[in-house]
Amino acid sequence: MEMRGTARSLGALDLNANYFKSMRVLDPNLLSPRQIASIKAAFRPLKSREVENINDEVSKSDRINFDRVVLRSFGIDDTILPSLYKVLISAVNDRVSMKNR
């Protein structure tokens, strides 16, 4: 949603309703009990530590493992992860830089 919206002051985001109509999201109801258990197990290490800034977070082995488990559980090729991280880092940096203007 961040990528499609227009930033407004005080953190508001202006969005087009047509985007939401065509937006695809991961449906946890499609997961098997085994996949759910795998995701929960991969998330446990993240719960026991502080969240890092985005650049450090995406280089943490527990974060990478969790994200890979989620992607694989939904049948998504996890080789896209570096590209996803690149886009995420860029979006966060853009958002932070807007705040400082």
PDB file of N, CA and C in Angstrom:
ATOM      1  N   MET A   1       0.822  -1.179   0.000  1.00  0.00           N
ATOM      2  CA  MET A   1       0.000   0.000   0.000  1.00  0.00           C
ATOM      3  C   MET A   1       0.870   1.248   0.000  1.00  0.00           C
ATOM      4  N   GLU A   2       1.975   1.182   0.725  1.00  0.00           N
ATOM      5  CA  GLU A   2       2.908   2.315   0.765  1.00  0.00           C
ATOM      6  C   GLU A   2       3.362   2.706  -0.624  1.00  0.00           C
ATOM      7  N   MET A   3       3.593   1.718  -1.469  1.00  0.00           N
ATOM      8  CA  MET A   3       4.137   1.971  -2.791  1.00  0.00           C
ATOM      9  C   MET A   3       3.120   2.631  -3.715  1.00  0.00           C
ATOM     10  N   ARG A   4       1.852   2.403  -3.471  1.00  0.00           N
ATOM     11  CA  ARG A   4       0.808   2.902  -4.363  1.00  0.00           C
ATOM     12  C   ARG A   4       0.193   4.213  -3.912  1.00  0.00           C
ATOM     13  N   GLY A   5       0.414   4.581  -2.658  1.00  0.00           N
ATOM     14  CA  GLY A   5      -0.222   5.776  -2.125  1.00  0.00           C
ATOM     15  C   GLY A   5       0.602   7.031  -2.307  1.00  0.00           C
ATOM     16  N   THR A   6      -0.049   8.148  -2.113  1.00  0.00           N
ATOM     17  CA  THR A   6       0.614   9.445  -2.139  1.00  0.00           C
ATOM     18  C   THR A   6       0.734   9.915  -0.701  1.00  0.00           C
ATOM     19  N   ALA A   7       1.948  10.191  -0.268  1.00  0.00           N
ATOM     20  CA  ALA A   7       2.168  10.609   1.114  1.00  0.00           C
ATOM     21  C   ALA A   7       1.598  11.997   1.345  1.00  0.00           C
ATOM     22  N   ARG A   8       0.949  12.162   2.466  1.00  0.00           N
ATOM     23  CA  ARG A   8       0.418  13.452   2.909  1.00  0.00           C
ATOM     24  C   ARG A   8       1.098  13.777   4.230  1.00  0.00           C
ATOM     25  N   SER A   9       0.843  14.918   4.760  1.00  0.00           N
ATOM     26  CA  SER A   9       1.513  15.315   6.010  1.00  0.00           C
ATOM     27  C   SER A   9       1.049  14.476   7.196  1.00  0.00           C
ATOM     28  N   LEU A  10       1.866  14.446   8.212  1.00  0.00           N
ATOM     29  CA  LEU A  10       1.607  13.742   9.471  1.00  0.00           C
ATOM     30  C   LEU A  10       1.395  12.240   9.286  1.00  0.00           C
ATOM     31  N   GLY A  11       2.002  11.673   8.253  1.00  0.00           N
ATOM     32  CA  GLY A  11       1.956  10.221   8.073  1.00  0.00           C
ATOM     33  C   GLY A  11       0.738   9.704   7.343  1.00  0.00           C
ATOM     34  N   ALA A  12      -0.150  10.583   6.885  1.00  0.00           N
ATOM     35  CA  ALA A  12      -1.339  10.136   6.152  1.00  0.00           C
ATOM     36  C   ALA A  12      -0.940   9.652   4.767  1.00  0.00           C
ATOM     37  N   LEU A  13      -1.688   8.699   4.252  1.00  0.00           N
ATOM     38  CA  LEU A  13      -1.420   8.140   2.938  1.00  0.00           C
ATOM     39  C   LEU A  13      -2.708   8.193   2.131  1.00  0.00           C
ATOM     40  N   ASP A  14      -2.662   8.813   0.971  1.00  0.00           N
ATOM     41  CA  ASP A  14      -3.805   8.943   0.077  1.00  0.00           C
ATOM     42  C   ASP A  14      -3.783   7.770  -0.885  1.00  0.00           C
ATOM     43  N   LEU A  15      -4.865   6.979  -0.920  1.00  0.00           N
ATOM     44  CA  LEU A  15      -4.895   5.774  -1.744  1.00  0.00           C
ATOM     45  C   LEU A  15      -6.068   5.791  -2.712  1.00  0.00           C
ATOM     46  N   ASN A  16      -5.898   5.131  -3.839  1.00  0.00           N
ATOM     47  CA  ASN A  16      -6.923   4.979  -4.841  1.00  0.00           C
ATOM     48  C   ASN A  16      -7.696   3.693  -4.551  1.00  0.00           C
ATOM     49  N   ALA A  17      -9.015   3.773  -4.498  1.00  0.00           N
ATOM     50  CA  ALA A  17      -9.843   2.604  -4.179  1.00  0.00           C
ATOM     51  C   ALA A  17      -9.683   1.484  -5.198  1.00  0.00           C
ATOM     52  N   ASN A  18      -9.406   1.823  -6.453  1.00  0.00           N
ATOM     53  CA  ASN A  18      -9.234   0.792  -7.480  1.00  0.00           C
ATOM     54  C   ASN A  18      -8.055  -0.116  -7.166  1.00  0.00           C
ATOM     55  N   TYR A  19      -7.040   0.433  -6.527  1.00  0.00           N
ATOM     56  CA  TYR A  19      -5.892  -0.390  -6.152  1.00  0.00           C
ATOM     57  C   TYR A  19      -6.321  -1.500  -5.197  1.00  0.00           C
ATOM     58  N   PHE A  20      -7.155  -1.170  -4.220  1.00  0.00           N
ATOM     59  CA  PHE A  20      -7.593  -2.175  -3.248  1.00  0.00           C
ATOM     60  C   PHE A  20      -8.439  -3.258  -3.898  1.00  0.00           C
ATOM     61  N   LYS A  21      -9.177  -2.895  -4.911  1.00  0.00           N
ATOM     62  CA  LYS A  21     -10.021  -3.878  -5.596  1.00  0.00           C
ATOM     63  C   LYS A  21      -9.191  -4.931  -6.322  1.00  0.00           C
ATOM     64  N   SER A  22      -7.995  -4.559  -6.759  1.00  0.00           N
ATOM     65  CA  SER A  22      -7.161  -5.504  -7.500  1.00  0.00           C
ATOM     66  C   SER A  22      -5.990  -6.050  -6.677  1.00  0.00           C
ATOM     67  N   MET A  23      -5.884  -5.627  -5.418  1.00  0.00           N
ATOM     68  CA  MET A  23      -4.761  -6.033  -4.579  1.00  0.00           C
ATOM     69  C   MET A  23      -4.866  -7.517  -4.212  1.00  0.00           C
ATOM     70  N   ARG A  24      -3.740  -8.196  -4.290  1.00  0.00           N
ATOM     71  CA  ARG A  24      -3.676  -9.603  -3.918  1.00  0.00           C
ATOM     72  C   ARG A  24      -2.947  -9.701  -2.579  1.00  0.00           C
ATOM     73  N   VAL A  25      -3.477 -10.515  -1.690  1.00  0.00           N
ATOM     74  CA  VAL A  25      -2.862 -10.705  -0.380  1.00  0.00           C
ATOM     75  C   VAL A  25      -2.736 -12.202  -0.097  1.00  0.00           C
ATOM     76  N   LEU A  26      -1.834 -12.536   0.794  1.00  0.00           N
ATOM     77  CA  LEU A  26      -1.660 -13.929   1.191  1.00  0.00           C
ATOM     78  C   LEU A  26      -2.817 -14.335   2.100  1.00  0.00           C
ATOM     79  N   ASP A  27      -3.430 -15.459   1.806  1.00  0.00           N
ATOM     80  CA  ASP A  27      -4.569 -15.945   2.573  1.00  0.00           C
ATOM     81  C   ASP A  27      -4.117 -17.075   3.501  1.00  0.00           C
ATOM     82  N   PRO A  28      -4.031 -16.805   4.810  1.00  0.00           N
ATOM     83  CA  PRO A  28      -3.572 -17.848   5.736  1.00  0.00           C
ATOM     84  C   PRO A  28      -4.511 -19.052   5.806  1.00  0.00           C
ATOM     85  N   ASN A  29      -5.740 -18.890   5.351  1.00  0.00           N
ATOM     86  CA  ASN A  29      -6.676 -20.018   5.345  1.00  0.00           C
ATOM     87  C   ASN A  29      -6.276 -21.103   4.346  1.00  0.00           C
ATOM     88  N   LEU A  30      -5.369 -20.777   3.439  1.00  0.00           N
ATOM     89  CA  LEU A  30      -4.913 -21.752   2.444  1.00  0.00           C
ATOM     90  C   LEU A  30      -3.779 -22.629   2.953  1.00  0.00           C
ATOM     91  N   LEU A  31      -3.266 -22.321   4.133  1.00  0.00           N
ATOM     92  CA  LEU A  31      -2.125 -23.056   4.685  1.00  0.00           C
ATOM     93  C   LEU A  31      -2.560 -24.315   5.419  1.00  0.00           C
ATOM     94  N   SER A  32      -1.722 -25.314   5.339  1.00  0.00           N
ATOM     95  CA  SER A  32      -1.963 -26.554   6.083  1.00  0.00           C
ATOM     96  C   SER A  32      -1.510 -26.352   7.536  1.00  0.00           C
ATOM     97  N   PRO A  33      -1.962 -27.201   8.440  1.00  0.00           N
ATOM     98  CA  PRO A  33      -1.487 -27.106   9.821  1.00  0.00           C
ATOM     99  C   PRO A  33       0.042 -27.204   9.921  1.00  0.00           C
ATOM    100  N   ARG A  34       0.650 -28.014   9.071  1.00  0.00           N
ATOM    101  CA  ARG A  34       2.107 -28.143   9.084  1.00  0.00           C
ATOM    102  C   ARG A  34       2.784 -26.837   8.657  1.00  0.00           C
ATOM    103  N   GLN A  35       2.253 -26.188   7.634  1.00  0.00           N
ATOM    104  CA  GLN A  35       2.810 -24.913   7.183  1.00  0.00           C
ATOM    105  C   GLN A  35       2.659 -23.832   8.263  1.00  0.00           C
ATOM    106  N   ILE A  36       1.526 -23.817   8.908  1.00  0.00           N
ATOM    107  CA  ILE A  36       1.284 -22.859   9.991  1.00  0.00           C
ATOM    108  C   ILE A  36       2.290 -23.076  11.110  1.00  0.00           C
ATOM    109  N   ALA A  37       2.496 -24.326  11.471  1.00  0.00           N
ATOM    110  CA  ALA A  37       3.459 -24.646  12.534  1.00  0.00           C
ATOM    111  C   ALA A  37       4.872 -24.222  12.134  1.00  0.00           C
ATOM    112  N   SER A  38       5.228 -24.415  10.880  1.00  0.00           N
ATOM    113  CA  SER A  38       6.561 -24.018  10.399  1.00  0.00           C
ATOM    114  C   SER A  38       6.741 -22.511  10.478  1.00  0.00           C
ATOM    115  N   ILE A  39       5.727 -21.762  10.096  1.00  0.00           N
ATOM    116  CA  ILE A  39       5.796 -20.300  10.164  1.00  0.00           C
ATOM    117  C   ILE A  39       5.925 -19.840  11.612  1.00  0.00           C
ATOM    118  N   LYS A  40       5.134 -20.417  12.482  1.00  0.00           N
ATOM    119  CA  LYS A  40       5.207 -20.045  13.908  1.00  0.00           C
ATOM    120  C   LYS A  40       6.577 -20.369  14.491  1.00  0.00           C
ATOM    121  N   ALA A  41       7.116 -21.518  14.141  1.00  0.00           N
ATOM    122  CA  ALA A  41       8.436 -21.910  14.646  1.00  0.00           C
ATOM    123  C   ALA A  41       9.510 -20.952  14.135  1.00  0.00           C
ATOM    124  N   ALA A  42       9.416 -20.552  12.883  1.00  0.00           N
ATOM    125  CA  ALA A  42      10.405 -19.626  12.319  1.00  0.00           C
ATOM    126  C   ALA A  42      10.270 -18.229  12.914  1.00  0.00           C
ATOM    127  N   PHE A  43       9.095 -17.898  13.417  1.00  0.00           N
ATOM    128  CA  PHE A  43       8.869 -16.572  14.002  1.00  0.00           C
ATOM    129  C   PHE A  43       9.375 -16.464  15.444  1.00  0.00           C
ATOM    130  N   ARG A  44       9.444 -17.574  16.145  1.00  0.00           N
ATOM    131  CA  ARG A  44       9.840 -17.557  17.559  1.00  0.00           C
ATOM    132  C   ARG A  44      11.131 -16.772  17.837  1.00  0.00           C
ATOM    133  N   PRO A  45      12.205 -16.980  17.081  1.00  0.00           N
ATOM    134  CA  PRO A  45      13.429 -16.223  17.363  1.00  0.00           C
ATOM    135  C   PRO A  45      13.248 -14.710  17.205  1.00  0.00           C
ATOM    136  N   LEU A  46      12.383 -14.291  16.303  1.00  0.00           N
ATOM    137  CA  LEU A  46      12.153 -12.864  16.101  1.00  0.00           C
ATOM    138  C   LEU A  46      11.436 -12.245  17.301  1.00  0.00           C
ATOM    139  N   LYS A  47      10.589 -13.029  17.955  1.00  0.00           N
ATOM    140  CA  LYS A  47       9.851 -12.524  19.114  1.00  0.00           C
ATOM    141  C   LYS A  47      10.758 -12.220  20.294  1.00  0.00           C
ATOM    142  N   SER A  48      11.895 -12.876  20.355  1.00  0.00           N
ATOM    143  CA  SER A  48      12.748 -12.745  21.537  1.00  0.00           C
ATOM    144  C   SER A  48      13.854 -11.709  21.376  1.00  0.00           C
ATOM    145  N   ARG A  49      13.774 -10.887  20.349  1.00  0.00           N
ATOM    146  CA  ARG A  49      14.798  -9.854  20.170  1.00  0.00           C
ATOM    147  C   ARG A  49      14.156  -8.554  19.692  1.00  0.00           C
ATOM    148  N   GLU A  50      14.918  -7.488  19.805  1.00  0.00           N
ATOM    149  CA  GLU A  50      14.458  -6.193  19.325  1.00  0.00           C
ATOM    150  C   GLU A  50      14.486  -6.168  17.799  1.00  0.00           C
ATOM    151  N   VAL A  51      13.570  -5.425  17.218  1.00  0.00           N
ATOM    152  CA  VAL A  51      13.570  -5.233  15.772  1.00  0.00           C
ATOM    153  C   VAL A  51      14.659  -4.220  15.450  1.00  0.00           C
ATOM    154  N   GLU A  52      15.455  -4.526  14.446  1.00  0.00           N
ATOM    155  CA  GLU A  52      16.555  -3.655  14.028  1.00  0.00           C
ATOM    156  C   GLU A  52      16.062  -2.636  12.994  1.00  0.00           C
ATOM    157  N   ASN A  53      16.923  -1.681  12.638  1.00  0.00           N
ATOM    158  CA  ASN A  53      16.561  -0.815  11.523  1.00  0.00           C
ATOM    159  C   ASN A  53      16.505  -1.685  10.272  1.00  0.00           C
ATOM    160  N   ILE A  54      15.844  -1.197   9.245  1.00  0.00           N
ATOM    161  CA  ILE A  54      15.542  -2.033   8.080  1.00  0.00           C
ATOM    162  C   ILE A  54      16.791  -2.614   7.424  1.00  0.00           C
ATOM    163  N   ASN A  55      17.862  -1.822   7.339  1.00  0.00           N
ATOM    164  CA  ASN A  55      19.077  -2.316   6.693  1.00  0.00           C
ATOM    165  C   ASN A  55      19.700  -3.472   7.457  1.00  0.00           C
ATOM    166  N   ASP A  56      19.664  -3.399   8.775  1.00  0.00           N
ATOM    167  CA  ASP A  56      20.216  -4.482   9.590  1.00  0.00           C
ATOM    168  C   ASP A  56      19.253  -5.665   9.680  1.00  0.00           C
ATOM    169  N   GLU A  57      17.966  -5.358   9.769  1.00  0.00           N
ATOM    170  CA  GLU A  57      16.962  -6.412   9.940  1.00  0.00           C
ATOM    171  C   GLU A  57      16.991  -7.427   8.802  1.00  0.00           C
ATOM    172  N   VAL A  58      17.101  -6.940   7.568  1.00  0.00           N
ATOM    173  CA  VAL A  58      17.031  -7.863   6.434  1.00  0.00           C
ATOM    174  C   VAL A  58      18.323  -8.648   6.222  1.00  0.00           C
ATOM    175  N   SER A  59      19.318  -8.383   7.044  1.00  0.00           N
ATOM    176  CA  SER A  59      20.544  -9.187   6.961  1.00  0.00           C
ATOM    177  C   SER A  59      20.635 -10.199   8.103  1.00  0.00           C
ATOM    178  N   LYS A  60      19.680 -10.194   9.003  1.00  0.00           N
ATOM    179  CA  LYS A  60      19.655 -11.130  10.124  1.00  0.00           C
ATOM    180  C   LYS A  60      19.208 -12.514   9.647  1.00  0.00           C
ATOM    181  N   SER A  61      19.913 -13.535  10.069  1.00  0.00           N
ATOM    182  CA  SER A  61      19.604 -14.892   9.602  1.00  0.00           C
ATOM    183  C   SER A  61      18.208 -15.347  10.039  1.00  0.00           C
ATOM    184  N   ASP A  62      17.773 -14.948  11.248  1.00  0.00           N
ATOM    185  CA  ASP A  62      16.438 -15.369  11.683  1.00  0.00           C
ATOM    186  C   ASP A  62      15.340 -14.689  10.870  1.00  0.00           C
ATOM    187  N   ARG A  63      15.554 -13.442  10.486  1.00  0.00           N
ATOM    188  CA  ARG A  63      14.584 -12.724   9.642  1.00  0.00           C
ATOM    189  C   ARG A  63      14.527 -13.368   8.255  1.00  0.00           C
ATOM    190  N   ILE A  64      15.673 -13.636   7.682  1.00  0.00           N
ATOM    191  CA  ILE A  64      15.729 -14.242   6.347  1.00  0.00           C
ATOM    192  C   ILE A  64      15.053 -15.614   6.370  1.00  0.00           C
ATOM    193  N   ASN A  65      15.345 -16.404   7.388  1.00  0.00           N
ATOM    194  CA  ASN A  65      14.721 -17.718   7.507  1.00  0.00           C
ATOM    195  C   ASN A  65      13.202 -17.595   7.606  1.00  0.00           C
ATOM    196  N   PHE A  66      12.717 -16.692   8.447  1.00  0.00           N
ATOM    197  CA  PHE A  66      11.270 -16.509   8.604  1.00  0.00           C
ATOM    198  C   PHE A  66      10.631 -16.133   7.267  1.00  0.00           C
ATOM    199  N   ASP A  67      11.215 -15.150   6.601  1.00  0.00           N
ATOM    200  CA  ASP A  67      10.648 -14.700   5.334  1.00  0.00           C
ATOM    201  C   ASP A  67      10.657 -15.813   4.287  1.00  0.00           C
ATOM    202  N   ARG A  68      11.713 -16.612   4.271  1.00  0.00           N
ATOM    203  CA  ARG A  68      11.777 -17.744   3.331  1.00  0.00           C
ATOM    204  C   ARG A  68      10.697 -18.780   3.639  1.00  0.00           C
ATOM    205  N   VAL A  69      10.514 -19.067   4.921  1.00  0.00           N
ATOM    206  CA  VAL A  69       9.491 -20.045   5.311  1.00  0.00           C
ATOM    207  C   VAL A  69       8.104 -19.559   4.884  1.00  0.00           C
ATOM    208  N   VAL A  70       7.816 -18.280   5.093  1.00  0.00           N
ATOM    209  CA  VAL A  70       6.511 -17.733   4.692  1.00  0.00           C
ATOM    210  C   VAL A  70       6.343 -17.840   3.178  1.00  0.00           C
ATOM    211  N   LEU A  71       7.327 -17.397   2.427  1.00  0.00           N
ATOM    212  CA  LEU A  71       7.222 -17.459   0.961  1.00  0.00           C
ATOM    213  C   LEU A  71       7.018 -18.889   0.486  1.00  0.00           C
ATOM    214  N   ARG A  72       7.831 -19.797   0.983  1.00  0.00           N
ATOM    215  CA  ARG A  72       7.718 -21.208   0.555  1.00  0.00           C
ATOM    216  C   ARG A  72       6.362 -21.799   0.923  1.00  0.00           C
ATOM    217  N   SER A  73       5.855 -21.428   2.096  1.00  0.00           N
ATOM    218  CA  SER A  73       4.559 -21.949   2.536  1.00  0.00           C
ATOM    219  C   SER A  73       3.436 -21.559   1.585  1.00  0.00           C
ATOM    220  N   PHE A  74       3.576 -20.404   0.966  1.00  0.00           N
ATOM    221  CA  PHE A  74       2.569 -19.940   0.022  1.00  0.00           C
ATOM    222  C   PHE A  74       2.924 -20.284  -1.425  1.00  0.00           C
ATOM    223  N   GLY A  75       3.960 -21.108  -1.607  1.00  0.00           N
ATOM    224  CA  GLY A  75       4.330 -21.544  -2.940  1.00  0.00           C
ATOM    225  C   GLY A  75       5.015 -20.470  -3.776  1.00  0.00           C
ATOM    226  N   ILE A  76       5.645 -19.515  -3.099  1.00  0.00           N
ATOM    227  CA  ILE A  76       6.344 -18.431  -3.786  1.00  0.00           C
ATOM    228  C   ILE A  76       7.839 -18.734  -3.769  1.00  0.00           C
ATOM    229  N   ASP A  77       8.464 -18.596  -4.910  1.00  0.00           N
ATOM    230  CA  ASP A  77       9.899 -18.855  -5.054  1.00  0.00           C
ATOM    231  C   ASP A  77      10.678 -17.885  -4.164  1.00  0.00           C
ATOM    232  N   ASP A  78      11.405 -18.425  -3.206  1.00  0.00           N
ATOM    233  CA  ASP A  78      12.096 -17.556  -2.237  1.00  0.00           C
ATOM    234  C   ASP A  78      13.344 -16.871  -2.799  1.00  0.00           C
ATOM    235  N   THR A  79      13.685 -17.150  -4.043  1.00  0.00           N
ATOM    236  CA  THR A  79      14.820 -16.441  -4.638  1.00  0.00           C
ATOM    237  C   THR A  79      14.476 -14.977  -4.915  1.00  0.00           C
ATOM    238  N   ILE A  80      13.201 -14.606  -4.785  1.00  0.00           N
ATOM    239  CA  ILE A  80      12.814 -13.201  -4.954  1.00  0.00           C
ATOM    240  C   ILE A  80      13.114 -12.363  -3.707  1.00  0.00           C
ATOM    241  N   LEU A  81      13.504 -13.031  -2.630  1.00  0.00           N
ATOM    242  CA  LEU A  81      13.703 -12.324  -1.364  1.00  0.00           C
ATOM    243  C   LEU A  81      14.677 -11.147  -1.454  1.00  0.00           C
ATOM    244  N   PRO A  82      15.847 -11.282  -2.063  1.00  0.00           N
ATOM    245  CA  PRO A  82      16.735 -10.117  -2.164  1.00  0.00           C
ATOM    246  C   PRO A  82      16.080  -8.924  -2.877  1.00  0.00           C
ATOM    247  N   SER A  83      15.304  -9.205  -3.907  1.00  0.00           N
ATOM    248  CA  SER A  83      14.598  -8.129  -4.611  1.00  0.00           C
ATOM    249  C   SER A  83      13.536  -7.493  -3.724  1.00  0.00           C
ATOM    250  N   LEU A  84      12.829  -8.318  -2.977  1.00  0.00           N
ATOM    251  CA  LEU A  84      11.827  -7.781  -2.045  1.00  0.00           C
ATOM    252  C   LEU A  84      12.482  -6.893  -0.992  1.00  0.00           C
ATOM    253  N   TYR A  85      13.605  -7.345  -0.472  1.00  0.00           N
ATOM    254  CA  TYR A  85      14.316  -6.536   0.527  1.00  0.00           C
ATOM    255  C   TYR A  85      14.782  -5.208  -0.065  1.00  0.00           C
ATOM    256  N   LYS A  86      15.251  -5.244  -1.292  1.00  0.00           N
ATOM    257  CA  LYS A  86      15.717  -4.018  -1.947  1.00  0.00           C
ATOM    258  C   LYS A  86      14.571  -3.006  -2.074  1.00  0.00           C
ATOM    259  N   VAL A  87      13.419  -3.476  -2.514  1.00  0.00           N
ATOM    260  CA  VAL A  87      12.246  -2.606  -2.653  1.00  0.00           C
ATOM    261  C   VAL A  87      11.801  -2.097  -1.281  1.00  0.00           C
ATOM    262  N   LEU A  88      11.793  -2.974  -0.287  1.00  0.00           N
ATOM    263  CA  LEU A  88      11.387  -2.588   1.057  1.00  0.00           C
ATOM    264  C   LEU A  88      12.313  -1.531   1.639  1.00  0.00           C
ATOM    265  N   ILE A  89      13.611  -1.734   1.506  1.00  0.00           N
ATOM    266  CA  ILE A  89      14.584  -0.755   2.013  1.00  0.00           C
ATOM    267  C   ILE A  89      14.384   0.587   1.331  1.00  0.00           C
ATOM    268  N   SER A  90      14.189   0.574   0.040  1.00  0.00           N
ATOM    269  CA  SER A  90      13.971   1.810  -0.707  1.00  0.00           C
ATOM    270  C   SER A  90      12.707   2.519  -0.235  1.00  0.00           C
ATOM    271  N   ALA A  91      11.624   1.766  -0.045  1.00  0.00           N
ATOM    272  CA  ALA A  91      10.359   2.364   0.408  1.00  0.00           C
ATOM    273  C   ALA A  91      10.498   2.969   1.800  1.00  0.00           C
ATOM    274  N   VAL A  92      11.168   2.261   2.693  1.00  0.00           N
ATOM    275  CA  VAL A  92      11.355   2.775   4.054  1.00  0.00           C
ATOM    276  C   VAL A  92      12.223   4.028   4.021  1.00  0.00           C
ATOM    277  N   ASN A  93      13.302   3.998   3.251  1.00  0.00           N
ATOM    278  CA  ASN A  93      14.173   5.173   3.157  1.00  0.00           C
ATOM    279  C   ASN A  93      13.435   6.376   2.576  1.00  0.00           C
ATOM    280  N   ASP A  94      12.595   6.144   1.570  1.00  0.00           N
ATOM    281  CA  ASP A  94      11.802   7.239   1.005  1.00  0.00           C
ATOM    282  C   ASP A  94      10.859   7.820   2.035  1.00  0.00           C
ATOM    283  N   ARG A  95      10.216   6.946   2.781  1.00  0.00           N
ATOM    284  CA  ARG A  95       9.250   7.389   3.794  1.00  0.00           C
ATOM    285  C   ARG A  95       9.961   8.186   4.900  1.00  0.00           C
ATOM    286  N   VAL A  96      11.105   7.707   5.338  1.00  0.00           N
ATOM    287  CA  VAL A  96      11.850   8.385   6.393  1.00  0.00           C
ATOM    288  C   VAL A  96      12.347   9.745   5.892  1.00  0.00           C
ATOM    289  N   SER A  97      12.821   9.780   4.655  1.00  0.00           N
ATOM    290  CA  SER A  97      13.326  11.053   4.121  1.00  0.00           C
ATOM    291  C   SER A  97      12.204  12.077   3.963  1.00  0.00           C
ATOM    292  N   MET A  98      10.987  11.631   3.659  1.00  0.00           N
ATOM    293  CA  MET A  98       9.848  12.549   3.578  1.00  0.00           C
ATOM    294  C   MET A  98       9.550  13.166   4.927  1.00  0.00           C
ATOM    295  N   LYS A  99       9.683  12.352   5.961  1.00  0.00           N
ATOM    296  CA  LYS A  99       9.424  12.829   7.315  1.00  0.00           C
ATOM    297  C   LYS A  99      10.387  13.952   7.687  1.00  0.00           C
ATOM    298  N   ASN A 100      11.601  13.892   7.179  1.00  0.00           N
ATOM    299  CA  ASN A 100      12.627  14.855   7.535  1.00  0.00           C
ATOM    300  C   ASN A 100      12.626  16.109   6.664  1.00  0.00           C
ATOM    301  N   ARG A 101      11.719  16.211   5.725  1.00  0.00           N
ATOM    302  CA  ARG A 101      11.657  17.384   4.832  1.00  0.00           C
ATOM    303  C   ARG A 101      10.926  18.520   5.483  1.00  0.00           C
TER     304      ARG A 101
END
